[in-house]
N, C-alpha and C. Protein backbone atom coordinates (compact mmCIF):
# COMPACT_ATOMS: atom_id res chain seq x y z
N MET A 1 113.64 113.80 70.50
CA MET A 1 113.02 113.26 71.71
C MET A 1 113.93 112.18 72.25
N ILE A 2 114.24 112.44 73.63
CA ILE A 2 114.80 111.38 74.21
C ILE A 2 113.98 110.03 74.73
N ARG A 3 114.01 108.93 74.39
CA ARG A 3 113.22 107.80 74.83
C ARG A 3 113.83 107.07 75.86
N VAL A 4 112.98 107.06 76.84
CA VAL A 4 113.40 106.43 78.03
C VAL A 4 112.60 105.11 78.51
N LEU A 5 113.30 104.36 79.08
CA LEU A 5 112.85 103.06 79.84
C LEU A 5 113.03 103.28 81.38
N VAL A 6 111.85 103.22 81.93
CA VAL A 6 112.00 103.29 83.57
C VAL A 6 112.02 101.86 84.23
N ALA A 7 113.02 101.25 84.98
CA ALA A 7 112.82 100.14 85.42
C ALA A 7 113.08 100.38 87.00
N ASP A 8 112.01 99.75 87.69
CA ASP A 8 112.08 99.83 89.23
C ASP A 8 110.98 98.88 89.43
N ASP A 9 111.19 98.33 90.69
CA ASP A 9 110.19 97.07 91.08
C ASP A 9 109.16 97.61 91.85
N HIS A 10 108.99 98.95 91.94
CA HIS A 10 107.95 99.57 92.79
C HIS A 10 107.00 100.26 91.88
N ALA A 11 105.79 99.93 91.45
CA ALA A 11 104.86 100.62 90.65
C ALA A 11 104.73 102.20 91.02
N VAL A 12 104.49 102.19 92.50
CA VAL A 12 104.35 103.77 92.58
C VAL A 12 105.74 104.60 92.42
N VAL A 13 106.69 104.07 92.58
CA VAL A 13 107.90 104.66 92.28
C VAL A 13 108.12 105.02 90.69
N ARG A 14 107.72 103.83 90.11
CA ARG A 14 107.83 103.97 88.57
C ARG A 14 106.85 105.08 87.94
N ARG A 15 105.93 105.17 88.68
CA ARG A 15 104.67 106.24 88.29
C ARG A 15 105.22 107.82 88.69
N GLY A 16 105.90 107.80 89.81
CA GLY A 16 106.40 108.97 90.04
C GLY A 16 107.68 109.71 89.27
N LEU A 17 108.38 108.66 88.90
CA LEU A 17 109.53 108.70 88.08
C LEU A 17 108.99 109.27 86.58
N ILE A 18 107.88 108.64 86.09
CA ILE A 18 107.47 108.85 84.84
C ILE A 18 106.90 110.28 84.85
N GLN A 19 106.09 110.73 85.79
CA GLN A 19 105.50 112.04 85.81
C GLN A 19 106.76 113.15 86.03
N ILE A 20 107.80 112.78 86.64
CA ILE A 20 108.87 113.84 86.78
C ILE A 20 109.48 113.90 85.29
N LEU A 21 109.80 112.66 84.78
CA LEU A 21 110.64 112.55 83.48
C LEU A 21 109.76 113.30 82.41
N GLU A 22 108.19 113.22 82.41
CA GLU A 22 107.74 113.84 81.09
C GLU A 22 107.44 115.08 81.41
N GLU A 23 107.91 115.74 82.50
CA GLU A 23 107.74 117.30 82.54
C GLU A 23 108.79 117.85 81.68
N GLY A 24 109.94 116.99 81.31
CA GLY A 24 110.95 117.62 80.20
C GLY A 24 110.21 117.67 78.98
N ASP A 25 110.44 118.46 78.38
CA ASP A 25 109.78 118.63 76.72
C ASP A 25 110.33 117.73 75.80
N ASP A 26 111.46 117.54 76.13
CA ASP A 26 112.35 116.68 75.21
C ASP A 26 112.39 115.20 75.62
N ILE A 27 111.84 114.87 76.61
CA ILE A 27 111.88 113.46 77.22
C ILE A 27 110.54 112.68 77.02
N GLN A 28 110.68 111.63 76.43
CA GLN A 28 109.22 110.70 76.62
C GLN A 28 109.54 109.50 77.05
N VAL A 29 108.73 108.86 78.12
CA VAL A 29 109.03 107.65 78.69
C VAL A 29 108.25 106.58 77.55
N ARG A 30 109.08 105.70 77.02
CA ARG A 30 108.34 104.62 76.21
C ARG A 30 108.10 103.39 76.85
N GLY A 31 108.64 103.18 78.06
CA GLY A 31 108.34 101.66 78.70
C GLY A 31 108.69 101.59 79.97
N GLU A 32 108.36 100.70 80.84
CA GLU A 32 108.85 100.53 82.00
C GLU A 32 108.73 98.97 82.50
N ALA A 33 109.45 98.82 83.39
CA ALA A 33 109.86 97.29 83.63
C ALA A 33 109.72 97.31 85.46
N GLY A 34 109.68 95.99 85.84
CA GLY A 34 109.67 95.74 87.42
C GLY A 34 110.68 95.10 87.70
N THR A 35 111.13 94.35 86.82
CA THR A 35 112.28 93.06 87.03
C THR A 35 113.48 93.42 86.10
N ALA A 36 114.35 92.64 86.44
CA ALA A 36 115.51 92.54 85.63
C ALA A 36 115.20 92.02 84.26
N ARG A 37 114.54 90.90 84.36
CA ARG A 37 114.34 90.25 83.15
C ARG A 37 113.09 91.02 82.21
N GLU A 38 112.39 91.54 82.78
CA GLU A 38 111.49 92.73 81.88
C GLU A 38 112.41 93.65 81.26
N VAL A 39 113.40 94.23 82.08
CA VAL A 39 114.30 95.10 81.41
C VAL A 39 115.00 94.51 80.07
N ILE A 40 115.46 93.45 80.28
CA ILE A 40 116.19 92.87 79.25
C ILE A 40 115.22 92.50 77.95
N GLN A 41 114.24 92.07 78.35
CA GLN A 41 113.03 91.82 77.15
C GLN A 41 112.62 93.16 76.44
N ALA A 42 112.29 94.22 77.28
CA ALA A 42 112.01 95.47 76.72
C ALA A 42 113.07 96.05 75.75
N LEU A 43 114.53 95.82 76.33
CA LEU A 43 115.42 96.36 75.34
C LEU A 43 115.50 95.45 74.03
N ARG A 44 115.19 94.30 74.37
CA ARG A 44 115.14 93.32 72.87
C ARG A 44 114.06 93.62 72.01
N GLU A 45 113.05 94.13 72.72
CA GLU A 45 111.86 94.57 71.73
C GLU A 45 111.79 95.98 71.17
N HIS A 46 112.56 96.73 71.95
CA HIS A 46 112.10 98.31 71.60
C HIS A 46 113.51 99.18 71.51
N ASP A 47 113.62 100.14 71.23
CA ASP A 47 114.83 101.01 70.96
C ASP A 47 114.56 102.23 72.06
N TYR A 48 115.58 102.29 72.92
CA TYR A 48 115.34 103.44 73.87
C TYR A 48 116.88 104.13 73.83
N ASP A 49 116.96 105.60 74.34
CA ASP A 49 117.97 106.25 74.34
C ASP A 49 118.57 106.13 75.84
N VAL A 50 117.74 106.08 76.99
CA VAL A 50 118.23 106.06 78.15
C VAL A 50 117.43 104.87 78.97
N LEU A 51 118.14 104.32 79.85
CA LEU A 51 117.39 103.37 80.90
C LEU A 51 117.80 104.04 82.23
N VAL A 52 116.60 104.37 82.68
CA VAL A 52 116.79 104.77 84.30
C VAL A 52 116.47 103.50 85.04
N LEU A 53 117.55 102.98 85.82
CA LEU A 53 117.88 101.62 86.29
C LEU A 53 118.00 101.54 87.60
N ASP A 54 116.99 100.82 88.55
CA ASP A 54 117.17 100.63 89.93
C ASP A 54 118.31 99.59 90.25
N VAL A 55 118.95 99.64 91.34
CA VAL A 55 119.91 98.76 91.64
C VAL A 55 119.10 97.31 92.22
N ALA A 56 118.21 97.40 93.21
CA ALA A 56 117.58 96.18 93.78
C ALA A 56 116.34 95.86 93.15
N MET A 57 116.40 94.99 92.27
CA MET A 57 115.04 94.33 91.50
C MET A 57 114.90 92.88 91.74
N PRO A 58 113.62 92.20 91.56
CA PRO A 58 113.42 90.90 91.62
C PRO A 58 114.21 90.20 90.21
N GLU A 59 114.44 89.08 89.98
CA GLU A 59 114.83 88.23 88.98
C GLU A 59 116.34 88.79 88.46
N GLY A 60 117.25 89.27 89.54
CA GLY A 60 118.63 89.64 88.91
C GLY A 60 118.73 90.93 89.79
N GLY A 61 118.63 92.17 88.97
CA GLY A 61 118.97 93.36 89.69
C GLY A 61 119.57 94.29 88.64
N GLY A 62 119.78 95.37 89.02
CA GLY A 62 120.21 96.42 88.05
C GLY A 62 121.91 96.07 87.70
N LEU A 63 122.85 95.63 88.77
CA LEU A 63 124.07 95.24 88.37
C LEU A 63 123.96 94.22 87.45
N GLU A 64 123.23 93.10 87.44
CA GLU A 64 123.07 92.04 86.31
C GLU A 64 122.59 92.58 85.07
N VAL A 65 121.65 93.56 84.99
CA VAL A 65 121.28 94.14 83.83
C VAL A 65 122.63 94.81 83.09
N LEU A 66 123.03 95.72 83.75
CA LEU A 66 124.51 96.26 83.51
C LEU A 66 125.56 95.18 82.91
N GLU A 67 125.62 94.10 83.72
CA GLU A 67 126.67 92.87 83.21
C GLU A 67 126.07 92.38 81.72
N TYR A 68 124.91 92.35 81.58
CA TYR A 68 124.26 91.96 80.39
C TYR A 68 124.66 92.78 79.24
N LEU A 69 124.43 94.09 79.43
CA LEU A 69 124.97 95.29 78.39
C LEU A 69 126.38 95.29 78.08
N ASN A 70 127.21 94.95 79.33
CA ASN A 70 128.56 94.99 79.19
C ASN A 70 129.11 93.86 78.30
N ASP A 71 128.29 92.79 78.51
CA ASP A 71 128.72 91.63 77.72
C ASP A 71 128.25 91.46 76.19
N GLY A 72 127.91 92.70 75.77
CA GLY A 72 127.30 92.61 74.41
C GLY A 72 125.68 92.62 74.09
N GLY A 73 125.18 93.08 75.27
CA GLY A 73 123.72 93.20 74.94
C GLY A 73 123.45 94.49 74.13
N ASP A 74 122.28 94.84 74.34
CA ASP A 74 121.70 96.01 73.70
C ASP A 74 122.61 97.28 74.15
N GLU A 75 122.69 98.10 73.13
CA GLU A 75 123.48 99.39 73.49
C GLU A 75 122.37 100.33 73.73
N ILE A 76 122.87 101.03 75.18
CA ILE A 76 122.04 102.04 75.81
C ILE A 76 122.67 102.83 76.78
N ASN A 77 122.43 104.13 76.95
CA ASN A 77 122.99 104.94 78.07
C ASN A 77 122.29 104.57 79.39
N VAL A 78 122.89 104.34 80.54
CA VAL A 78 122.28 103.69 81.68
C VAL A 78 122.42 104.88 82.86
N LEU A 79 121.25 105.31 83.41
CA LEU A 79 121.32 105.98 84.63
C LEU A 79 120.95 105.36 85.89
N VAL A 80 121.77 105.09 86.59
CA VAL A 80 121.23 104.24 87.90
C VAL A 80 120.74 105.06 88.76
N LEU A 81 119.53 104.84 89.27
CA LEU A 81 118.79 105.64 90.38
C LEU A 81 118.36 104.60 91.39
N SER A 82 119.08 104.80 92.75
CA SER A 82 119.29 103.68 93.78
C SER A 82 118.74 104.31 94.97
N VAL A 83 118.14 103.57 95.86
CA VAL A 83 117.88 104.16 97.41
C VAL A 83 119.28 103.98 98.04
N TYR A 84 120.27 103.08 97.38
CA TYR A 84 121.51 102.97 98.14
C TYR A 84 122.56 104.50 98.06
N PRO A 85 123.15 104.52 99.06
CA PRO A 85 124.16 105.91 98.80
C PRO A 85 125.16 105.45 97.94
N GLU A 86 125.81 106.40 97.25
CA GLU A 86 126.66 106.43 96.22
C GLU A 86 127.93 105.50 96.48
N LYS A 87 128.39 105.71 97.72
CA LYS A 87 129.51 105.18 97.96
C LYS A 87 129.52 103.42 98.18
N GLN A 88 128.00 103.23 97.93
CA GLN A 88 127.83 101.57 98.05
C GLN A 88 127.91 100.83 96.71
N TYR A 89 127.26 101.36 95.88
CA TYR A 89 127.23 100.90 94.60
C TYR A 89 127.64 101.63 93.33
N ALA A 90 127.97 103.14 93.45
CA ALA A 90 128.23 103.88 92.25
C ALA A 90 129.58 103.44 91.51
N ARG A 91 130.43 102.96 92.22
CA ARG A 91 131.73 102.72 91.47
C ARG A 91 131.67 101.40 91.04
N ARG A 92 130.72 100.44 91.47
CA ARG A 92 130.60 99.20 90.71
C ARG A 92 129.63 99.47 89.40
N ALA A 93 128.88 100.31 89.61
CA ALA A 93 127.74 100.45 88.44
C ALA A 93 128.68 101.24 87.17
N LEU A 94 129.38 102.24 87.79
CA LEU A 94 130.34 102.97 86.56
C LEU A 94 131.19 101.99 85.93
N LYS A 95 131.85 101.06 86.54
CA LYS A 95 132.53 100.09 86.32
C LYS A 95 132.24 99.22 85.30
N LEU A 96 130.73 98.71 85.35
CA LEU A 96 130.05 98.16 84.33
C LEU A 96 129.44 98.81 83.25
N GLY A 97 129.79 100.08 83.30
CA GLY A 97 129.39 100.88 81.95
C GLY A 97 128.19 101.90 82.18
N ALA A 98 127.68 101.97 83.39
CA ALA A 98 126.88 103.02 83.76
C ALA A 98 127.42 104.46 83.38
N LYS A 99 126.35 105.32 82.79
CA LYS A 99 126.92 106.86 82.69
C LYS A 99 126.67 107.72 83.72
N GLY A 100 125.85 107.24 84.92
CA GLY A 100 125.63 108.25 85.89
C GLY A 100 124.97 107.24 87.00
N TYR A 101 125.06 108.10 88.27
CA TYR A 101 124.48 107.32 89.35
C TYR A 101 123.86 108.45 90.35
N LEU A 102 122.52 108.19 90.72
CA LEU A 102 121.92 109.08 91.59
C LEU A 102 121.06 108.45 92.57
N THR A 103 121.12 108.99 93.79
CA THR A 103 120.17 108.45 94.58
C THR A 103 118.79 108.76 94.67
N LYS A 104 117.85 108.15 95.17
CA LYS A 104 116.33 108.52 94.79
C LYS A 104 115.98 109.80 95.69
N ASP A 105 116.68 110.11 96.76
CA ASP A 105 116.50 111.47 97.27
C ASP A 105 117.02 112.96 96.35
N SER A 106 117.36 112.49 95.44
CA SER A 106 117.80 113.74 94.47
C SER A 106 116.61 114.58 94.12
N ALA A 107 116.83 115.83 93.89
CA ALA A 107 115.77 116.63 93.33
C ALA A 107 115.28 116.31 91.89
N PRO A 108 114.07 116.33 91.81
CA PRO A 108 113.36 116.02 90.25
C PRO A 108 114.30 116.92 89.27
N GLN A 109 114.68 118.20 89.35
CA GLN A 109 115.31 118.88 88.25
C GLN A 109 116.75 118.44 88.11
N GLU A 110 117.43 117.61 89.07
CA GLU A 110 118.65 116.93 89.08
C GLU A 110 118.45 115.52 88.34
N LEU A 111 117.41 114.87 88.34
CA LEU A 111 116.96 113.93 87.69
C LEU A 111 116.86 114.06 86.06
N LEU A 112 115.97 115.30 85.85
CA LEU A 112 115.99 115.85 84.52
C LEU A 112 117.39 115.98 83.78
N MET A 113 118.26 116.75 84.45
CA MET A 113 119.40 117.14 83.90
C MET A 113 120.34 116.01 83.80
N ALA A 114 120.28 114.90 84.77
CA ALA A 114 120.98 113.66 84.56
C ALA A 114 120.83 112.90 83.26
N VAL A 115 119.31 112.80 83.15
CA VAL A 115 118.73 112.03 81.93
C VAL A 115 119.25 112.57 80.52
N LYS A 116 119.11 113.83 80.60
CA LYS A 116 119.61 114.64 79.25
C LYS A 116 121.18 114.45 79.06
N LYS A 117 121.97 114.78 80.11
CA LYS A 117 123.39 114.33 79.94
C LYS A 117 123.59 113.16 79.46
N VAL A 118 123.13 112.22 80.17
CA VAL A 118 123.40 110.66 79.91
C VAL A 118 123.08 110.35 78.52
N ALA A 119 121.96 111.01 78.03
CA ALA A 119 121.25 110.63 76.67
C ALA A 119 122.39 111.08 75.67
N ARG A 120 123.28 112.14 75.81
CA ARG A 120 124.21 112.47 74.90
C ARG A 120 125.66 111.68 75.07
N GLY A 121 125.44 110.60 76.06
CA GLY A 121 126.63 109.84 76.00
C GLY A 121 127.80 110.26 76.90
N GLU A 122 127.29 111.35 77.86
CA GLU A 122 128.31 111.88 78.82
C GLU A 122 128.03 111.28 79.97
N LEU A 123 129.05 111.37 80.84
CA LEU A 123 129.06 110.84 82.34
C LEU A 123 128.11 112.10 83.08
N TYR A 124 127.30 111.45 84.06
CA TYR A 124 126.83 112.57 84.92
C TYR A 124 127.20 112.00 86.51
N LEU A 125 128.16 112.87 87.02
CA LEU A 125 128.29 112.53 88.32
C LEU A 125 128.13 113.46 89.41
N THR A 126 127.45 113.32 90.50
CA THR A 126 127.07 114.49 91.55
C THR A 126 128.76 114.86 91.98
N GLN A 127 128.55 116.09 92.62
CA GLN A 127 129.89 116.59 92.99
C GLN A 127 130.67 115.65 94.10
N ALA A 128 129.75 115.19 95.21
CA ALA A 128 130.20 114.25 96.05
C ALA A 128 130.81 113.17 95.45
N LEU A 129 130.10 112.33 94.42
CA LEU A 129 130.81 111.15 93.84
C LEU A 129 131.97 111.70 92.84
N ALA A 130 132.02 112.67 92.35
CA ALA A 130 133.24 113.04 91.58
C ALA A 130 134.43 113.31 92.41
N GLU A 131 134.24 113.95 93.77
CA GLU A 131 135.17 114.14 94.54
C GLU A 131 135.65 112.96 95.13
N GLU A 132 134.96 111.75 95.56
CA GLU A 132 135.20 110.58 95.98
C GLU A 132 135.91 109.69 94.99
N LEU A 133 135.55 109.93 93.80
CA LEU A 133 136.46 109.05 92.96
C LEU A 133 137.59 109.70 92.62
N ALA A 134 137.59 111.05 92.51
CA ALA A 134 139.00 111.70 92.60
C ALA A 134 140.00 111.32 93.67
N ALA A 135 139.48 111.23 94.82
CA ALA A 135 140.22 111.06 95.82
C ALA A 135 140.72 109.65 95.84
N SER A 136 139.96 108.55 95.44
CA SER A 136 140.46 107.27 95.43
C SER A 136 141.43 107.13 94.40
N LEU A 137 141.69 107.86 93.29
CA LEU A 137 142.59 107.82 92.28
C LEU A 137 143.92 108.53 92.71
N ARG A 138 143.99 109.50 93.73
CA ARG A 138 144.91 109.93 94.18
C ARG A 138 145.50 109.23 95.35
N SER A 139 144.52 108.35 95.81
CA SER A 139 145.04 107.72 97.19
C SER A 139 145.71 106.35 96.77
N ASN A 140 146.66 105.90 97.50
CA ASN A 140 147.02 104.58 97.26
C ASN A 140 146.93 103.57 98.61
N HIS A 141 145.93 104.16 99.24
CA HIS A 141 145.56 103.25 100.50
C HIS A 141 144.75 101.81 99.96
N ARG A 142 144.88 100.91 100.93
CA ARG A 142 144.49 99.47 100.39
C ARG A 142 142.97 99.51 100.75
N LEU A 143 142.45 98.81 99.52
CA LEU A 143 140.96 98.70 99.55
C LEU A 143 140.41 97.90 100.60
N ALA A 144 139.15 98.53 101.31
CA ALA A 144 138.62 97.78 102.43
C ALA A 144 138.24 96.22 101.92
N PRO A 145 138.16 95.28 102.86
CA PRO A 145 137.70 93.93 102.25
C PRO A 145 136.46 93.80 101.56
N HIS A 146 135.56 94.65 101.89
CA HIS A 146 134.34 94.51 100.95
C HIS A 146 134.44 95.02 99.72
N GLN A 147 135.41 95.86 99.33
CA GLN A 147 135.48 96.47 98.17
C GLN A 147 136.32 95.39 97.16
N LYS A 148 136.75 94.10 97.73
CA LYS A 148 137.27 93.27 96.70
C LYS A 148 136.25 92.15 96.60
N LEU A 149 135.01 92.18 97.21
CA LEU A 149 133.93 91.36 96.79
C LEU A 149 133.65 91.23 95.35
N SER A 150 133.17 90.39 94.67
CA SER A 150 132.72 90.30 93.41
C SER A 150 131.07 91.18 93.80
N ASP A 151 130.54 91.59 92.64
CA ASP A 151 129.25 92.48 92.45
C ASP A 151 128.21 91.35 93.27
N ARG A 152 128.10 90.09 92.95
CA ARG A 152 127.07 89.16 93.51
C ARG A 152 127.31 89.24 95.00
N GLU A 153 128.64 89.04 95.34
CA GLU A 153 128.94 88.55 96.87
C GLU A 153 128.44 90.04 97.56
N TYR A 154 128.92 91.01 97.14
CA TYR A 154 128.50 92.24 97.71
C TYR A 154 127.12 92.44 97.86
N GLN A 155 126.40 92.16 96.61
CA GLN A 155 124.83 92.28 96.83
C GLN A 155 124.22 91.31 97.79
N VAL A 156 124.72 90.04 97.95
CA VAL A 156 124.16 89.14 98.97
C VAL A 156 124.70 89.70 100.36
N MET A 157 125.76 90.41 100.57
CA MET A 157 126.09 90.85 102.00
C MET A 157 125.21 91.91 102.29
N THR A 158 124.82 92.69 101.26
CA THR A 158 124.03 93.89 101.67
C THR A 158 122.63 93.28 102.25
N MET A 159 122.22 92.41 101.44
CA MET A 159 120.85 91.94 101.72
C MET A 159 120.79 91.12 102.98
N ILE A 160 121.77 90.37 103.46
CA ILE A 160 121.97 89.70 104.51
C ILE A 160 122.04 90.99 105.84
N ALA A 161 122.65 92.03 105.47
CA ALA A 161 122.86 93.13 106.39
C ALA A 161 121.45 93.73 106.87
N GLU A 162 120.47 93.56 105.56
CA GLU A 162 119.40 94.51 105.81
C GLU A 162 118.35 93.25 106.47
N GLY A 163 118.81 92.12 107.00
CA GLY A 163 117.92 91.07 107.44
C GLY A 163 117.37 90.32 106.71
N LYS A 164 117.58 90.18 105.39
CA LYS A 164 116.80 89.24 104.59
C LYS A 164 117.48 87.77 104.84
N SER A 165 116.59 86.63 104.51
CA SER A 165 117.14 85.37 104.76
C SER A 165 117.81 84.76 103.47
N ILE A 166 118.55 83.68 103.60
CA ILE A 166 119.01 83.18 102.21
C ILE A 166 117.84 82.68 101.33
N SER A 167 116.90 82.17 101.75
CA SER A 167 115.80 82.02 100.88
C SER A 167 115.19 83.12 100.25
N GLN A 168 115.00 84.20 101.00
CA GLN A 168 114.34 85.32 100.53
C GLN A 168 115.42 86.03 99.43
N ILE A 169 116.68 86.03 99.63
CA ILE A 169 117.53 86.54 98.75
C ILE A 169 117.69 85.72 97.56
N ALA A 170 117.43 84.18 97.74
CA ALA A 170 117.58 83.51 96.58
C ALA A 170 116.26 83.85 95.67
N GLU A 171 115.08 84.16 96.32
CA GLU A 171 113.83 84.23 95.25
C GLU A 171 114.00 85.69 94.90
N ILE A 172 114.72 86.79 95.30
CA ILE A 172 114.74 88.18 94.80
C ILE A 172 115.69 88.17 93.51
N LEU A 173 116.92 87.36 93.79
CA LEU A 173 117.81 87.17 92.67
C LEU A 173 117.47 86.28 91.78
N ALA A 174 116.55 85.55 91.88
CA ALA A 174 116.18 84.24 90.84
C ALA A 174 117.32 83.36 90.90
N LEU A 175 117.86 83.07 92.18
CA LEU A 175 119.06 81.87 92.24
C LEU A 175 118.63 80.89 93.11
N SER A 176 119.09 79.64 93.14
CA SER A 176 118.95 78.72 94.02
C SER A 176 119.37 78.89 95.47
N VAL A 177 118.94 78.36 96.59
CA VAL A 177 119.39 78.71 97.75
C VAL A 177 120.76 78.24 97.87
N LYS A 178 121.16 77.04 97.34
CA LYS A 178 122.71 76.74 97.29
C LYS A 178 123.45 77.54 96.72
N THR A 179 123.13 78.38 95.52
CA THR A 179 123.73 79.19 95.07
C THR A 179 124.24 80.31 95.88
N VAL A 180 123.17 80.95 96.47
CA VAL A 180 123.27 82.02 97.43
C VAL A 180 124.16 81.62 98.49
N SER A 181 123.98 80.51 99.10
CA SER A 181 124.83 79.96 100.26
C SER A 181 126.26 80.09 99.94
N THR A 182 126.41 79.55 98.69
CA THR A 182 127.73 79.66 98.12
C THR A 182 128.41 81.08 98.18
N TYR A 183 127.53 81.88 97.72
CA TYR A 183 128.22 83.44 97.65
C TYR A 183 128.35 83.80 99.09
N ARG A 184 127.55 83.57 100.06
CA ARG A 184 127.64 84.07 101.53
C ARG A 184 128.89 83.28 102.02
N ARG A 185 129.29 81.88 101.75
CA ARG A 185 130.51 81.36 102.30
C ARG A 185 131.72 82.12 101.64
N ARG A 186 131.61 82.34 100.33
CA ARG A 186 132.72 83.06 99.79
C ARG A 186 133.05 84.46 100.36
N MET A 187 131.94 85.22 100.70
CA MET A 187 131.86 86.30 101.05
C MET A 187 132.45 86.40 102.51
N LEU A 188 132.33 85.44 103.44
CA LEU A 188 132.60 85.19 104.72
C LEU A 188 134.11 84.96 104.71
N ASP A 189 134.37 84.09 103.93
CA ASP A 189 135.92 83.88 103.87
C ASP A 189 136.72 85.05 103.45
N LYS A 190 136.35 86.02 102.34
CA LYS A 190 136.87 87.19 102.07
C LYS A 190 137.13 88.00 103.01
N LEU A 191 135.97 88.09 103.84
CA LEU A 191 136.02 89.23 104.95
C LEU A 191 136.47 88.69 106.28
N GLY A 192 136.91 87.33 106.19
CA GLY A 192 137.39 86.92 107.57
C GLY A 192 136.42 87.17 108.72
N LEU A 193 134.90 86.61 108.26
CA LEU A 193 133.80 86.53 109.08
C LEU A 193 133.24 85.18 109.31
N GLU A 194 132.52 84.88 110.12
CA GLU A 194 132.13 83.50 110.46
C GLU A 194 130.62 83.35 110.56
N THR A 195 129.72 84.24 110.98
CA THR A 195 128.36 84.45 111.33
C THR A 195 127.49 85.63 110.73
N THR A 196 126.44 85.44 110.55
CA THR A 196 125.39 86.38 110.10
C THR A 196 125.47 87.61 110.96
N ALA A 197 125.54 87.41 112.23
CA ALA A 197 125.79 88.71 113.27
C ALA A 197 127.12 89.36 113.02
N ASP A 198 128.09 88.51 112.54
CA ASP A 198 129.35 89.38 112.07
C ASP A 198 129.17 90.40 110.94
N ILE A 199 128.40 89.72 109.91
CA ILE A 199 128.21 90.37 108.72
C ILE A 199 127.34 91.64 109.08
N ILE A 200 126.29 91.69 109.91
CA ILE A 200 125.56 92.87 110.24
C ILE A 200 126.56 93.73 111.14
N ARG A 201 127.34 93.32 111.81
CA ARG A 201 128.13 94.23 112.44
C ARG A 201 129.15 95.06 111.52
N TYR A 202 129.62 94.10 110.72
CA TYR A 202 130.59 94.73 109.81
C TYR A 202 129.93 95.97 108.70
N ALA A 203 128.67 95.45 108.42
CA ALA A 203 127.92 96.31 107.50
C ALA A 203 127.68 97.62 108.39
N ILE A 204 127.18 97.69 109.47
CA ILE A 204 126.90 98.79 110.41
C ILE A 204 128.29 99.72 110.64
N GLU A 205 129.47 98.90 110.75
CA GLU A 205 130.59 99.64 110.72
C GLU A 205 131.08 100.33 109.65
N HIS A 206 130.59 99.78 108.45
CA HIS A 206 131.32 100.40 107.33
C HIS A 206 129.99 101.11 106.49
N GLY A 207 128.73 101.21 107.00
CA GLY A 207 127.65 102.01 106.39
C GLY A 207 127.37 101.46 105.22
N ILE A 208 127.02 99.97 105.24
CA ILE A 208 126.67 99.05 104.21
C ILE A 208 125.25 98.77 104.14
N GLY A 209 124.50 99.06 103.08
CA GLY A 209 122.84 98.52 103.19
C GLY A 209 122.13 99.27 103.79
N LYS A 210 120.73 99.08 103.73
CA LYS A 210 119.70 99.91 104.00
C LYS A 210 119.46 99.74 105.43
N LEU A 211 120.33 100.10 106.39
CA LEU A 211 120.30 99.69 107.75
C LEU A 211 119.55 100.71 108.59
N PRO A 212 118.75 100.32 109.41
CA PRO A 212 117.82 101.24 110.51
C PRO A 212 118.84 102.24 111.17
């Protein structure tokens, strides 16, 4: 039986994921979490085979959970399930140790298949993501400026592009306003930008964030 922990900050989404996962005869959801802190606490208290993890959550986020695991935290196979397109966070998630990446518009059967494969310690990549990764390995082109950002700087950029204020971002990520402002300044310097409007324009041009 594959023991699963479902982590998403929306209770309705968690309930839907649990219903889908428990349609699998060999899958049992043993826990759920709504924040990064709750995820880490659950991993410390119970044993799971697979963590189905959202990227954007309060008190940290999915990337921070992956960093915790990557730095010697609890060993578990992670499948990232996010609203963000693969090209935005998949490479970063895989680099931090995730075994797979799916978007939330994936078919239920694909989710079940991914969980079972990840539970065996194997990578689960969609065809589109596999082709993109293969193309990047074959290519020697320069990285786009935003691909050189740290995970936290990139996260702050996507939230600013989505219209969130510095104080809102600080609350979501459980950071001080001063710290978020520092990430914003570093991100602006690396991208050669000056204002929030510049960030939004850059994000639109590069398809970054959940833009309207």
